[in-house]
Amino acid sequence: MAERKSSNKRVPQPEAEINPQPGIGKHRMPINVFDSPEGRRVGQTFDSPTVYLDHWGIRLFSDDRRMQNRFVAALKGKRGTLLLSHISTAELGGASDPQDVVDAERFLERCLPQMFLT
């Protein structure tokens, strides 16, 4: 885990490999934790292209592994960002079949670290 030095304190920064190709290396998640005079803060950044999927879109990709593979490869290949709304995640939690929630979670985990949370 990389560290970011700020205000004479070291704050752990999450890292994840976004492209498993040799020579590409690791890149930080677009979520940064840092210390400020007001206390610890969290900030986010995102890179274009940015894609927003509502809960229906998330379910669509969760249910179709072939389509999911294409989406994840494109997102990571372009180093884009998936914009994820807290409302969409709440709606996913209301699925009648618990397996739908598990499938959605697995899909979203595959999109990490290219995710911006709203």
N, C-alpha and C. Protein backbone atom coordinates (compact mmCIF):
# COMPACT_ATOMS: atom_id res chain seq x y z
N MET A 1 0.86 -1.16 0.00
CA MET A 1 0.00 0.00 0.00
C MET A 1 0.91 1.23 0.00
N ALA A 2 0.67 2.16 -0.88
CA ALA A 2 1.46 3.38 -0.95
C ALA A 2 1.05 4.31 0.18
N GLU A 3 1.91 5.24 0.47
CA GLU A 3 1.57 6.22 1.50
C GLU A 3 1.72 7.60 0.93
N ARG A 4 0.90 8.50 1.39
CA ARG A 4 0.96 9.89 0.98
C ARG A 4 1.33 10.71 2.20
N LYS A 5 2.35 11.53 2.07
CA LYS A 5 2.77 12.33 3.20
C LYS A 5 2.02 13.65 3.17
N SER A 6 1.38 13.98 4.28
CA SER A 6 0.62 15.21 4.39
C SER A 6 0.59 15.64 5.84
N SER A 7 0.87 16.90 6.09
CA SER A 7 0.85 17.43 7.46
C SER A 7 1.71 16.60 8.41
N ASN A 8 2.87 16.16 7.91
CA ASN A 8 3.80 15.37 8.69
C ASN A 8 3.22 14.03 9.16
N LYS A 9 2.12 13.61 8.60
CA LYS A 9 1.54 12.31 8.92
C LYS A 9 1.48 11.50 7.64
N ARG A 10 1.64 10.21 7.77
CA ARG A 10 1.51 9.35 6.60
C ARG A 10 0.13 8.71 6.63
N VAL A 11 -0.57 8.85 5.51
CA VAL A 11 -1.91 8.31 5.38
C VAL A 11 -1.87 7.22 4.32
N PRO A 12 -2.27 5.98 4.64
CA PRO A 12 -2.26 4.92 3.65
C PRO A 12 -3.16 5.28 2.47
N GLN A 13 -2.68 4.96 1.27
CA GLN A 13 -3.45 5.19 0.05
C GLN A 13 -3.72 3.84 -0.61
N PRO A 14 -4.96 3.56 -0.97
CA PRO A 14 -5.26 2.29 -1.62
C PRO A 14 -4.66 2.23 -3.02
N GLU A 15 -4.13 1.09 -3.37
CA GLU A 15 -3.64 0.85 -4.72
C GLU A 15 -4.29 -0.40 -5.25
N ALA A 16 -4.48 -0.43 -6.52
CA ALA A 16 -4.99 -1.63 -7.17
C ALA A 16 -4.46 -1.66 -8.58
N GLU A 17 -4.20 -2.84 -9.07
CA GLU A 17 -3.71 -2.95 -10.43
C GLU A 17 -4.89 -2.83 -11.39
N ILE A 18 -4.82 -1.84 -12.26
CA ILE A 18 -5.94 -1.65 -13.18
C ILE A 18 -5.67 -2.27 -14.54
N ASN A 19 -4.44 -2.62 -14.81
CA ASN A 19 -4.12 -3.25 -16.07
C ASN A 19 -3.04 -4.29 -15.82
N PRO A 20 -3.40 -5.57 -15.91
CA PRO A 20 -2.45 -6.62 -15.56
C PRO A 20 -1.34 -6.82 -16.60
N GLN A 21 -1.26 -5.97 -17.63
CA GLN A 21 -0.23 -6.14 -18.65
C GLN A 21 1.14 -5.79 -18.07
N PRO A 22 2.17 -6.54 -18.45
CA PRO A 22 3.51 -6.24 -17.95
C PRO A 22 3.93 -4.82 -18.32
N GLY A 23 4.60 -4.16 -17.39
CA GLY A 23 5.11 -2.83 -17.66
C GLY A 23 4.14 -1.70 -17.40
N ILE A 24 2.87 -2.02 -17.17
CA ILE A 24 1.88 -0.97 -16.94
C ILE A 24 1.96 -0.49 -15.50
N GLY A 25 2.14 -1.39 -14.56
CA GLY A 25 2.26 -1.00 -13.17
C GLY A 25 0.93 -0.86 -12.47
N LYS A 26 1.00 -0.28 -11.28
CA LYS A 26 -0.20 -0.10 -10.47
C LYS A 26 -0.58 1.37 -10.42
N HIS A 27 -1.85 1.62 -10.27
CA HIS A 27 -2.37 2.99 -10.19
C HIS A 27 -3.27 3.09 -8.98
N ARG A 28 -3.28 4.26 -8.35
CA ARG A 28 -4.11 4.46 -7.19
C ARG A 28 -5.58 4.53 -7.57
N MET A 29 -6.41 4.16 -6.60
CA MET A 29 -7.84 4.36 -6.75
C MET A 29 -8.10 5.85 -6.81
N PRO A 30 -9.20 6.26 -7.41
CA PRO A 30 -9.52 7.69 -7.46
C PRO A 30 -10.06 8.23 -6.14
N ILE A 31 -9.83 7.52 -5.05
CA ILE A 31 -10.25 7.98 -3.73
C ILE A 31 -8.99 8.24 -2.91
N ASN A 32 -8.85 9.46 -2.42
CA ASN A 32 -7.67 9.84 -1.65
C ASN A 32 -8.09 10.28 -0.26
N VAL A 33 -7.32 9.85 0.72
CA VAL A 33 -7.52 10.25 2.11
C VAL A 33 -6.34 11.15 2.47
N PHE A 34 -6.63 12.32 3.04
CA PHE A 34 -5.55 13.23 3.39
C PHE A 34 -5.91 14.01 4.65
N ASP A 35 -4.88 14.51 5.31
CA ASP A 35 -5.06 15.32 6.50
C ASP A 35 -5.05 16.79 6.11
N SER A 36 -5.93 17.55 6.72
CA SER A 36 -5.99 18.99 6.49
C SER A 36 -6.10 19.67 7.85
N PRO A 37 -5.99 20.99 7.91
CA PRO A 37 -6.14 21.68 9.20
C PRO A 37 -7.49 21.40 9.86
N GLU A 38 -8.51 21.07 9.06
CA GLU A 38 -9.84 20.76 9.61
C GLU A 38 -9.99 19.31 10.03
N GLY A 39 -8.98 18.50 9.75
CA GLY A 39 -9.06 17.07 10.09
C GLY A 39 -8.86 16.20 8.87
N ARG A 40 -9.11 14.92 9.01
CA ARG A 40 -8.95 13.98 7.91
C ARG A 40 -10.05 14.20 6.89
N ARG A 41 -9.68 14.20 5.62
CA ARG A 41 -10.62 14.43 4.51
C ARG A 41 -10.50 13.32 3.48
N VAL A 42 -11.57 13.14 2.74
CA VAL A 42 -11.59 12.18 1.64
C VAL A 42 -11.95 12.94 0.38
N GLY A 43 -11.20 12.70 -0.67
CA GLY A 43 -11.49 13.34 -1.96
C GLY A 43 -11.50 12.29 -3.06
N GLN A 44 -12.17 12.61 -4.14
CA GLN A 44 -12.26 11.69 -5.27
C GLN A 44 -11.92 12.42 -6.55
N THR A 45 -11.40 11.66 -7.50
CA THR A 45 -11.18 12.17 -8.84
C THR A 45 -11.69 11.11 -9.80
N PHE A 46 -11.95 11.52 -11.02
CA PHE A 46 -12.28 10.51 -12.01
C PHE A 46 -11.73 10.92 -13.35
N ASP A 47 -11.50 9.92 -14.18
CA ASP A 47 -10.95 10.12 -15.51
C ASP A 47 -12.00 9.79 -16.56
N SER A 48 -11.94 10.51 -17.66
CA SER A 48 -12.82 10.23 -18.79
C SER A 48 -12.23 9.07 -19.59
N PRO A 49 -13.05 8.28 -20.21
CA PRO A 49 -14.51 8.40 -20.24
C PRO A 49 -15.13 7.94 -18.92
N THR A 50 -16.19 8.62 -18.55
CA THR A 50 -16.94 8.28 -17.35
C THR A 50 -18.27 7.70 -17.76
N VAL A 51 -18.65 6.59 -17.13
CA VAL A 51 -19.88 5.88 -17.46
C VAL A 51 -20.76 5.80 -16.22
N TYR A 52 -22.02 6.15 -16.36
CA TYR A 52 -22.97 5.99 -15.26
C TYR A 52 -23.92 4.85 -15.61
N LEU A 53 -24.08 3.92 -14.70
CA LEU A 53 -25.06 2.84 -14.83
C LEU A 53 -26.03 2.94 -13.66
N ASP A 54 -27.32 2.98 -13.96
CA ASP A 54 -28.30 2.92 -12.87
C ASP A 54 -28.40 1.46 -12.43
N HIS A 55 -29.28 1.18 -11.47
CA HIS A 55 -29.33 -0.20 -10.96
C HIS A 55 -29.76 -1.19 -12.04
N TRP A 56 -30.57 -0.75 -12.98
CA TRP A 56 -30.96 -1.65 -14.07
C TRP A 56 -29.75 -1.99 -14.93
N GLY A 57 -28.92 -0.99 -15.23
CA GLY A 57 -27.71 -1.22 -16.02
C GLY A 57 -26.73 -2.12 -15.30
N ILE A 58 -26.58 -1.91 -14.00
CA ILE A 58 -25.70 -2.77 -13.21
C ILE A 58 -26.19 -4.20 -13.25
N ARG A 59 -27.49 -4.39 -13.09
CA ARG A 59 -28.06 -5.74 -13.15
C ARG A 59 -27.87 -6.37 -14.53
N LEU A 60 -28.02 -5.56 -15.58
CA LEU A 60 -27.85 -6.07 -16.94
C LEU A 60 -26.45 -6.65 -17.12
N PHE A 61 -25.43 -5.91 -16.71
CA PHE A 61 -24.05 -6.40 -16.83
C PHE A 61 -23.76 -7.52 -15.83
N SER A 62 -24.43 -7.51 -14.68
CA SER A 62 -24.22 -8.57 -13.68
C SER A 62 -24.73 -9.91 -14.16
N ASP A 63 -25.81 -9.88 -14.95
CA ASP A 63 -26.45 -11.11 -15.40
C ASP A 63 -25.80 -11.72 -16.64
N ASP A 64 -25.05 -10.93 -17.40
CA ASP A 64 -24.49 -11.39 -18.67
C ASP A 64 -22.97 -11.32 -18.60
N ARG A 65 -22.33 -12.44 -18.31
CA ARG A 65 -20.87 -12.46 -18.10
C ARG A 65 -20.10 -12.02 -19.35
N ARG A 66 -20.58 -12.38 -20.51
CA ARG A 66 -19.89 -11.99 -21.76
C ARG A 66 -19.91 -10.47 -21.92
N MET A 67 -21.07 -9.87 -21.70
CA MET A 67 -21.19 -8.42 -21.79
C MET A 67 -20.37 -7.75 -20.67
N GLN A 68 -20.38 -8.35 -19.51
CA GLN A 68 -19.61 -7.84 -18.37
C GLN A 68 -18.12 -7.83 -18.69
N ASN A 69 -17.64 -8.90 -19.28
CA ASN A 69 -16.22 -8.99 -19.65
C ASN A 69 -15.85 -7.87 -20.62
N ARG A 70 -16.71 -7.61 -21.59
CA ARG A 70 -16.44 -6.54 -22.56
C ARG A 70 -16.44 -5.17 -21.88
N PHE A 71 -17.39 -4.94 -20.98
CA PHE A 71 -17.47 -3.66 -20.29
C PHE A 71 -16.23 -3.42 -19.43
N VAL A 72 -15.88 -4.42 -18.62
CA VAL A 72 -14.73 -4.28 -17.71
C VAL A 72 -13.44 -4.09 -18.51
N ALA A 73 -13.28 -4.83 -19.60
CA ALA A 73 -12.08 -4.68 -20.43
C ALA A 73 -12.00 -3.29 -21.04
N ALA A 74 -13.13 -2.77 -21.51
CA ALA A 74 -13.15 -1.43 -22.09
C ALA A 74 -12.87 -0.36 -21.03
N LEU A 75 -13.49 -0.49 -19.87
CA LEU A 75 -13.30 0.48 -18.79
C LEU A 75 -11.84 0.53 -18.36
N LYS A 76 -11.25 -0.63 -18.15
CA LYS A 76 -9.86 -0.68 -17.71
C LYS A 76 -8.90 -0.34 -18.84
N GLY A 77 -9.23 -0.76 -20.05
CA GLY A 77 -8.38 -0.47 -21.19
C GLY A 77 -8.28 1.02 -21.48
N LYS A 78 -9.36 1.74 -21.28
CA LYS A 78 -9.40 3.19 -21.49
C LYS A 78 -9.06 3.97 -20.22
N ARG A 79 -8.92 3.24 -19.12
CA ARG A 79 -8.69 3.85 -17.80
C ARG A 79 -9.77 4.87 -17.49
N GLY A 80 -10.99 4.46 -17.78
CA GLY A 80 -12.15 5.31 -17.51
C GLY A 80 -12.65 5.12 -16.10
N THR A 81 -13.84 5.65 -15.84
CA THR A 81 -14.41 5.62 -14.50
C THR A 81 -15.86 5.19 -14.55
N LEU A 82 -16.26 4.31 -13.65
CA LEU A 82 -17.66 3.96 -13.46
C LEU A 82 -18.20 4.84 -12.35
N LEU A 83 -19.19 5.64 -12.67
CA LEU A 83 -19.84 6.52 -11.69
C LEU A 83 -20.92 5.70 -11.00
N LEU A 84 -20.79 5.52 -9.69
CA LEU A 84 -21.72 4.67 -8.95
C LEU A 84 -22.47 5.51 -7.92
N SER A 85 -23.78 5.51 -8.03
CA SER A 85 -24.64 6.27 -7.13
C SER A 85 -25.03 5.44 -5.92
N HIS A 86 -25.05 6.08 -4.76
CA HIS A 86 -25.49 5.38 -3.56
C HIS A 86 -26.97 4.99 -3.68
N ILE A 87 -27.73 5.73 -4.46
CA ILE A 87 -29.14 5.38 -4.68
C ILE A 87 -29.24 4.07 -5.47
N SER A 88 -28.39 3.92 -6.49
CA SER A 88 -28.39 2.68 -7.26
C SER A 88 -28.02 1.48 -6.40
N THR A 89 -27.04 1.66 -5.51
CA THR A 89 -26.67 0.53 -4.66
C THR A 89 -27.79 0.20 -3.68
N ALA A 90 -28.51 1.21 -3.22
CA ALA A 90 -29.65 0.94 -2.33
C ALA A 90 -30.74 0.19 -3.08
N GLU A 91 -30.97 0.56 -4.33
CA GLU A 91 -31.98 -0.13 -5.12
C GLU A 91 -31.57 -1.57 -5.40
N LEU A 92 -30.28 -1.81 -5.58
CA LEU A 92 -29.80 -3.18 -5.78
C LEU A 92 -30.09 -4.04 -4.55
N GLY A 93 -30.02 -3.44 -3.39
CA GLY A 93 -30.27 -4.17 -2.15
C GLY A 93 -31.70 -4.65 -2.01
N GLY A 94 -32.61 -4.09 -2.81
CA GLY A 94 -34.01 -4.48 -2.74
C GLY A 94 -34.38 -5.61 -3.68
N ALA A 95 -33.38 -6.27 -4.28
CA ALA A 95 -33.66 -7.36 -5.21
C ALA A 95 -34.38 -8.50 -4.50
N SER A 96 -35.33 -9.13 -5.19
CA SER A 96 -36.08 -10.23 -4.59
C SER A 96 -35.24 -11.50 -4.48
N ASP A 97 -34.25 -11.65 -5.35
CA ASP A 97 -33.38 -12.83 -5.32
C ASP A 97 -32.02 -12.40 -4.77
N PRO A 98 -31.58 -12.91 -3.63
CA PRO A 98 -30.29 -12.53 -3.06
C PRO A 98 -29.11 -12.77 -4.00
N GLN A 99 -29.23 -13.72 -4.90
CA GLN A 99 -28.14 -14.00 -5.85
C GLN A 99 -27.90 -12.81 -6.77
N ASP A 100 -28.95 -12.04 -7.06
CA ASP A 100 -28.79 -10.84 -7.90
C ASP A 100 -27.86 -9.84 -7.23
N VAL A 101 -27.97 -9.71 -5.92
CA VAL A 101 -27.10 -8.80 -5.17
C VAL A 101 -25.66 -9.30 -5.21
N VAL A 102 -25.46 -10.59 -5.03
CA VAL A 102 -24.12 -11.18 -5.07
C VAL A 102 -23.50 -10.98 -6.45
N ASP A 103 -24.27 -11.21 -7.51
CA ASP A 103 -23.77 -11.02 -8.88
C ASP A 103 -23.39 -9.57 -9.14
N ALA A 104 -24.21 -8.64 -8.66
CA ALA A 104 -23.92 -7.21 -8.83
C ALA A 104 -22.64 -6.84 -8.08
N GLU A 105 -22.50 -7.36 -6.88
CA GLU A 105 -21.30 -7.08 -6.09
C GLU A 105 -20.05 -7.58 -6.81
N ARG A 106 -20.11 -8.76 -7.36
CA ARG A 106 -18.96 -9.32 -8.09
C ARG A 106 -18.62 -8.46 -9.31
N PHE A 107 -19.63 -8.00 -10.02
CA PHE A 107 -19.41 -7.14 -11.18
C PHE A 107 -18.73 -5.84 -10.75
N LEU A 108 -19.26 -5.20 -9.71
CA LEU A 108 -18.70 -3.93 -9.26
C LEU A 108 -17.27 -4.10 -8.75
N GLU A 109 -16.98 -5.20 -8.09
CA GLU A 109 -15.62 -5.46 -7.63
C GLU A 109 -14.66 -5.57 -8.80
N ARG A 110 -15.12 -6.12 -9.91
CA ARG A 110 -14.27 -6.24 -11.10
C ARG A 110 -13.95 -4.87 -11.69
N CYS A 111 -14.80 -3.89 -11.44
CA CYS A 111 -14.59 -2.54 -11.99
C CYS A 111 -13.61 -1.72 -11.16
N LEU A 112 -13.30 -2.18 -9.96
CA LEU A 112 -12.36 -1.45 -9.12
C LEU A 112 -10.98 -1.44 -9.74
N PRO A 113 -10.20 -0.41 -9.63
CA PRO A 113 -10.42 0.78 -8.83
C PRO A 113 -11.08 1.93 -9.60
N GLN A 114 -11.50 1.68 -10.82
CA GLN A 114 -12.09 2.75 -11.64
C GLN A 114 -13.52 3.04 -11.25
N MET A 115 -13.72 3.56 -10.06
CA MET A 115 -15.07 3.81 -9.58
C MET A 115 -15.10 5.15 -8.84
N PHE A 116 -16.14 5.92 -9.11
CA PHE A 116 -16.37 7.20 -8.44
C PHE A 116 -17.69 7.06 -7.72
N LEU A 117 -17.70 7.27 -6.40
CA LEU A 117 -18.89 7.06 -5.60
C LEU A 117 -19.59 8.39 -5.34
N THR A 118 -20.91 8.40 -5.56
CA THR A 118 -21.68 9.63 -5.28
C THR A 118 -22.63 9.38 -4.14
